[in-house]
Protein backbone atom coordinates (compact mmCIF):
# COMPACT_ATOMS: atom_id res chain seq x y z
CA MET A 1 -151.62 49.73 117.38
CA GLN A 2 -148.73 48.40 119.47
CA THR A 3 -148.31 51.69 121.33
CA SER A 4 -151.81 53.23 121.32
CA SER A 5 -154.26 53.03 124.19
CA SER A 6 -156.67 50.10 124.10
CA GLY A 7 -159.64 52.33 123.22
CA GLN A 8 -158.02 54.32 120.44
CA PHE A 9 -158.50 51.78 117.64
CA ARG A 10 -160.97 48.89 117.48
CA GLY A 11 -158.75 46.91 115.11
CA PRO A 12 -156.41 47.13 112.12
CA LEU A 13 -159.11 48.34 109.70
CA ASP A 14 -160.30 51.00 112.15
CA CYS A 15 -156.69 52.15 112.62
CA LEU A 16 -156.24 52.34 108.85
CA LEU A 17 -159.44 54.31 108.26
CA LYS A 18 -158.84 56.74 111.13
CA THR A 19 -155.26 57.38 110.09
CA VAL A 20 -156.19 58.08 106.47
CA GLY A 21 -159.25 60.12 107.50
CA LYS A 22 -157.33 62.30 109.93
CA GLU A 23 -153.92 62.54 108.33
CA GLY A 24 -154.42 61.57 104.71
CA PHE A 25 -152.72 58.80 102.74
CA ARG A 26 -149.28 60.14 103.72
CA GLY A 27 -150.10 59.31 107.33
CA LEU A 28 -149.60 55.64 106.49
CA TYR A 29 -145.96 56.36 105.70
CA LYS A 30 -144.90 58.17 108.86
CA GLY A 31 -141.44 57.01 109.77
CA ALA A 32 -140.60 56.46 106.10
CA THR A 33 -140.76 60.02 104.75
CA PRO A 34 -139.78 62.79 104.78
CA PRO A 35 -136.98 62.73 103.85
CA LEU A 36 -136.96 59.42 102.06
CA VAL A 37 -133.25 59.68 101.32
CA GLY A 38 -132.46 59.57 105.04
CA TRP A 39 -134.36 56.31 105.50
CA MET A 40 -132.90 54.84 102.32
CA PHE A 41 -129.44 55.47 103.75
CA MET A 42 -130.20 53.98 107.18
CA ASP A 43 -132.10 50.95 105.87
CA SER A 44 -129.39 50.36 103.27
CA MET A 45 -127.04 49.74 106.20
CA HIS A 46 -129.54 47.82 108.31
CA VAL A 47 -130.70 45.08 105.91
CA PRO A 48 -127.37 44.27 104.24
CA SER A 49 -125.59 44.26 107.60
CA MET A 50 -128.07 41.67 108.91
CA LEU A 51 -127.81 39.37 105.89
CA GLY A 52 -124.09 40.01 105.45
CA SER A 53 -123.27 39.26 109.08
CA LEU A 54 -125.51 36.17 108.90
CA ALA A 55 -123.46 34.80 106.00
CA ASN A 56 -120.20 35.54 107.81
CA TYR A 57 -121.35 33.96 111.07
CA ARG A 58 -122.49 30.87 109.17
CA ALA A 59 -119.00 30.54 107.69
CA VAL A 60 -117.27 31.03 111.05
CA ILE A 61 -119.53 28.56 112.89
CA LYS A 62 -119.09 26.00 110.12
CA SER A 63 -115.29 26.26 110.24
CA LYS A 64 -114.99 26.35 114.05
CA LEU A 65 -117.73 24.01 115.27
CA TYR A 66 -118.51 21.77 112.31
CA PRO A 67 -115.28 21.55 110.27
CA HIS A 68 -115.93 17.95 109.24
CA ASN A 69 -119.55 18.46 108.14
CA ASP A 70 -120.39 18.93 104.49
CA THR A 71 -123.07 21.46 105.41
CA LEU A 72 -123.91 23.59 108.42
CA PRO A 73 -126.65 21.90 110.52
CA SER A 74 -129.85 23.72 111.40
CA LEU A 75 -128.61 24.41 114.92
CA GLY A 76 -125.64 26.24 113.44
CA HIS A 77 -127.95 28.32 111.26
CA GLY A 78 -129.94 29.25 114.34
CA MET A 79 -126.79 30.24 116.23
CA ALA A 80 -125.65 32.36 113.29
CA GLY A 81 -129.07 34.01 113.28
CA VAL A 82 -128.77 35.00 116.94
CA LEU A 83 -125.28 36.45 116.46
CA ALA A 84 -126.40 38.34 113.35
CA GLY A 85 -129.41 39.65 115.25
CA TRP A 86 -127.26 40.92 118.10
CA THR A 87 -124.80 42.50 115.67
CA VAL A 88 -127.39 44.32 113.59
CA SER A 89 -129.16 45.57 116.73
CA PHE A 90 -126.53 48.28 117.03
CA ILE A 91 -127.66 49.63 113.65
CA ALA A 92 -131.34 48.72 113.97
CA ALA A 93 -131.96 50.16 117.45
CA PRO A 94 -131.53 53.86 116.62
CA VAL A 95 -133.30 53.43 113.26
CA GLU A 96 -136.30 51.74 114.89
CA HIS A 97 -136.28 54.21 117.78
CA VAL A 98 -136.54 57.21 115.46
CA LYS A 99 -139.15 55.49 113.29
CA ALA A 100 -141.27 54.59 116.33
CA ARG A 101 -141.31 58.19 117.57
CA LEU A 102 -142.34 59.49 114.17
CA GLN A 103 -145.12 56.92 113.83
CA ILE A 104 -146.88 57.92 117.08
CA GLN A 105 -147.23 61.57 116.06
CA TYR A 106 -150.94 61.96 115.40
CA ASN A 107 -152.01 65.23 113.80
CA ALA A 108 -154.69 66.41 111.42
CA LYS A 109 -153.87 67.08 107.78
CA GLY A 110 -151.97 70.34 107.42
CA SER A 111 -151.78 70.88 111.17
CA LYS A 112 -148.56 71.19 113.15
CA VAL A 113 -150.28 70.39 116.44
CA GLY A 114 -148.67 67.37 118.05
CA VAL A 115 -145.75 67.42 115.62
CA LYS A 116 -142.52 67.31 117.57
CA TYR A 117 -140.32 66.03 114.75
CA THR A 118 -140.51 66.98 111.08
CA GLY A 119 -138.73 63.82 109.88
CA PRO A 120 -136.08 61.21 110.73
CA ILE A 121 -133.12 63.57 110.44
CA ASP A 122 -134.79 66.17 112.66
CA CYS A 123 -135.77 63.49 115.17
CA THR A 124 -132.22 62.07 115.26
CA ARG A 125 -130.73 65.53 115.73
CA LYS A 126 -133.08 66.41 118.60
CA LEU A 127 -132.53 63.09 120.36
CA LEU A 128 -128.76 63.57 120.18
CA ASN A 129 -128.91 67.22 121.26
CA ASN A 130 -131.25 66.59 124.19
CA HIS A 131 -130.24 63.12 125.36
CA GLY A 132 -126.93 62.26 123.74
CA ILE A 133 -125.98 58.99 122.13
CA GLN A 134 -127.60 57.10 125.01
CA GLY A 135 -130.94 58.71 124.15
CA LEU A 136 -130.64 57.74 120.50
CA TYR A 137 -129.93 54.15 121.53
CA HIS A 138 -132.85 54.03 123.98
CA GLY A 139 -134.32 50.55 123.67
CA LEU A 140 -131.12 48.81 122.59
CA GLY A 141 -131.51 46.06 125.21
CA ALA A 142 -135.08 45.36 124.11
CA THR A 143 -133.90 45.29 120.48
CA ILE A 144 -131.21 42.73 121.28
CA LEU A 145 -133.72 40.57 123.17
CA PHE A 146 -136.21 40.74 120.29
CA ARG A 147 -133.55 39.75 117.75
CA THR A 148 -132.50 36.76 119.84
CA PHE A 149 -135.57 35.14 118.30
CA PHE A 150 -133.67 35.12 115.01
CA PHE A 151 -132.57 31.68 116.22
CA PHE A 152 -136.01 30.36 115.25
CA TRP A 153 -136.18 32.31 111.99
CA TRP A 154 -132.91 31.11 110.51
CA GLY A 155 -132.97 27.68 112.12
CA SER A 156 -136.45 27.01 110.71
CA TYR A 157 -135.47 28.54 107.37
CA ASP A 158 -132.79 25.89 106.98
CA ILE A 159 -135.13 23.07 108.07
CA ILE A 160 -137.90 24.14 105.69
CA THR A 161 -135.41 24.63 102.86
CA ARG A 162 -134.03 21.11 103.30
CA GLN A 163 -137.51 19.58 103.40
CA LEU A 164 -138.64 21.40 100.27
CA GLU A 165 -135.47 20.45 98.40
CA GLN A 166 -135.81 16.79 99.37
CA LYS A 167 -139.56 16.32 98.96
CA THR A 168 -140.56 18.63 96.11
CA ASP A 169 -139.43 19.52 92.61
CA MET A 170 -139.49 23.25 93.26
CA THR A 171 -136.88 25.47 91.65
CA PRO A 172 -134.32 27.06 94.01
CA MET A 173 -136.13 30.38 93.70
CA LEU A 174 -139.46 28.89 94.79
CA VAL A 175 -137.78 27.03 97.64
CA ASN A 176 -136.29 30.29 98.87
CA PHE A 177 -139.66 32.03 98.52
CA TRP A 178 -141.66 29.53 100.55
CA ALA A 179 -138.94 28.86 103.12
CA GLY A 180 -138.38 32.58 103.57
CA GLY A 181 -142.06 33.36 104.04
CA LEU A 182 -142.89 30.43 106.31
CA SER A 183 -139.84 30.87 108.54
CA ALA A 184 -140.58 34.59 108.88
CA ASN A 185 -144.13 33.79 109.98
CA LEU A 186 -142.81 31.37 112.59
CA PHE A 187 -140.39 34.02 113.83
CA TRP A 188 -143.16 36.59 114.28
CA LEU A 189 -145.46 34.08 115.98
CA LEU A 190 -142.81 33.50 118.62
CA SER A 191 -141.33 36.98 118.92
CA TYR A 192 -144.29 39.32 118.49
CA PRO A 193 -144.97 40.02 122.20
CA SER A 194 -141.34 41.06 122.66
CA ASP A 195 -141.71 43.46 119.74
CA VAL A 196 -144.76 45.07 121.36
CA ILE A 197 -142.77 45.56 124.56
CA LYS A 198 -139.84 46.97 122.59
CA GLN A 199 -142.10 49.51 120.93
CA ARG A 200 -143.51 50.57 124.29
CA ILE A 201 -139.99 51.17 125.59
CA MET A 202 -138.92 53.08 122.48
CA THR A 203 -141.93 55.39 122.60
CA ASP A 204 -141.64 56.03 126.33
CA SER A 205 -140.92 59.64 127.29
CA LEU A 206 -137.21 60.26 127.70
CA GLU A 207 -137.93 63.21 130.01
CA SER A 208 -140.17 61.35 132.47
CA ARG A 209 -139.78 57.64 131.88
CA ARG A 210 -142.55 55.24 132.85
CA PHE A 211 -140.44 52.15 132.41
CA LYS A 212 -137.11 51.64 134.14
CA SER A 213 -136.70 48.13 132.79
CA TRP A 214 -137.96 45.66 130.19
CA SER A 215 -139.95 43.80 132.85
CA GLU A 216 -141.77 46.97 133.88
CA ALA A 217 -142.82 47.63 130.28
CA ALA A 218 -143.92 44.00 129.89
CA ALA A 219 -146.00 44.17 133.07
CA ALA A 220 -147.59 47.45 131.95
CA VAL A 221 -148.81 45.92 128.68
CA GLY A 222 -150.50 43.08 130.54
CA ARG A 223 -151.92 45.36 133.22
CA GLU A 224 -153.42 47.79 130.72
CA SER A 225 -154.70 45.41 128.04
CA GLY A 226 -154.43 41.86 129.36
CA VAL A 227 -153.00 39.02 127.31
CA ARG A 228 -154.47 40.48 124.11
CA GLY A 229 -152.28 43.54 124.61
CA TYR A 230 -149.19 41.54 123.72
CA TRP A 231 -150.74 40.74 120.33
CA ARG A 232 -152.14 44.14 119.32
CA GLY A 233 -151.27 44.83 115.68
CA PHE A 234 -150.37 41.21 114.99
CA VAL A 235 -152.66 40.75 111.96
CA PRO A 236 -151.09 43.48 109.77
CA CYS A 237 -147.65 42.34 110.90
CA ILE A 238 -148.14 38.70 109.92
CA LEU A 239 -149.81 39.67 106.64
CA ARG A 240 -146.74 41.73 105.74
CA ALA A 241 -144.19 39.21 107.03
CA PHE A 242 -144.66 36.46 104.46
CA PRO A 243 -144.42 38.39 101.17
CA ALA A 244 -141.81 40.88 102.39
CA ASN A 245 -139.40 38.26 103.70
CA ALA A 246 -140.11 35.71 100.98
CA VAL A 247 -139.05 38.20 98.32
CA ALA A 248 -136.06 39.36 100.39
CA LEU A 249 -134.79 35.79 100.74
CA VAL A 250 -135.23 35.11 97.02
CA ALA A 251 -133.05 38.13 96.29
CA PHE A 252 -130.48 37.30 99.00
CA GLU A 253 -130.07 33.65 98.06
CA GLY A 254 -129.98 34.53 94.36
CA VAL A 255 -127.07 36.87 94.97
CA MET A 256 -125.29 34.32 97.19
CA ARG A 257 -125.56 31.64 94.48
CA HIS A 258 -123.79 33.89 91.99
CA LEU A 259 -120.99 35.02 94.28
CA PRO A 260 -117.63 33.29 93.90
């Protein structure tokens, strides 16, 4: 929905029904398979690198800026989030670029019409062969800008965590669950328009580019769809954000509590 024309889908449900009707159930998983192993490998670097770098930046900021504090303040958590976001962008940008190009391939079931890439490995190979490493990293700047909003995710995560620990009797696991889900929702509320613009840039033609800059892509979204264009696809995104990130933070914090 972020990259389609304004008249292609009337809403999330219409997008779902048309995708399944035209491409089958597998159409919902474009950009994930095939081959699944390729995405497992790339995402296995992406997610741990984000959470791992976050933990390391927290430790560095605590030792350098707040050496006399017992705990890292929320501002420090936000700063660590930004640095982790910038760091992981160099892994996330090519992964998201390839996934975005696969997801906009619309073709009927069993048809090869409109299919330029057969999967993530094929897409990566063709991008490198035709456009080099710069082509694979198309959209890196927009990815870095989008992940700057991690300041609000991880800053709010710490604030919500502290409040829940102080004012409720929740177990650590439940605290992580609710803080993870709520902070992720706040992050998407603030960052979603920048994600729409990033997707537009990543799905732009590399042969005849429409957008020479982030500002041109941003202006195009508003010109074509108005203010609502910056929020297309928001409902399925926010519905996914809470459970996905709540569970991820439960797992992450559980591991961190058991590390020496």
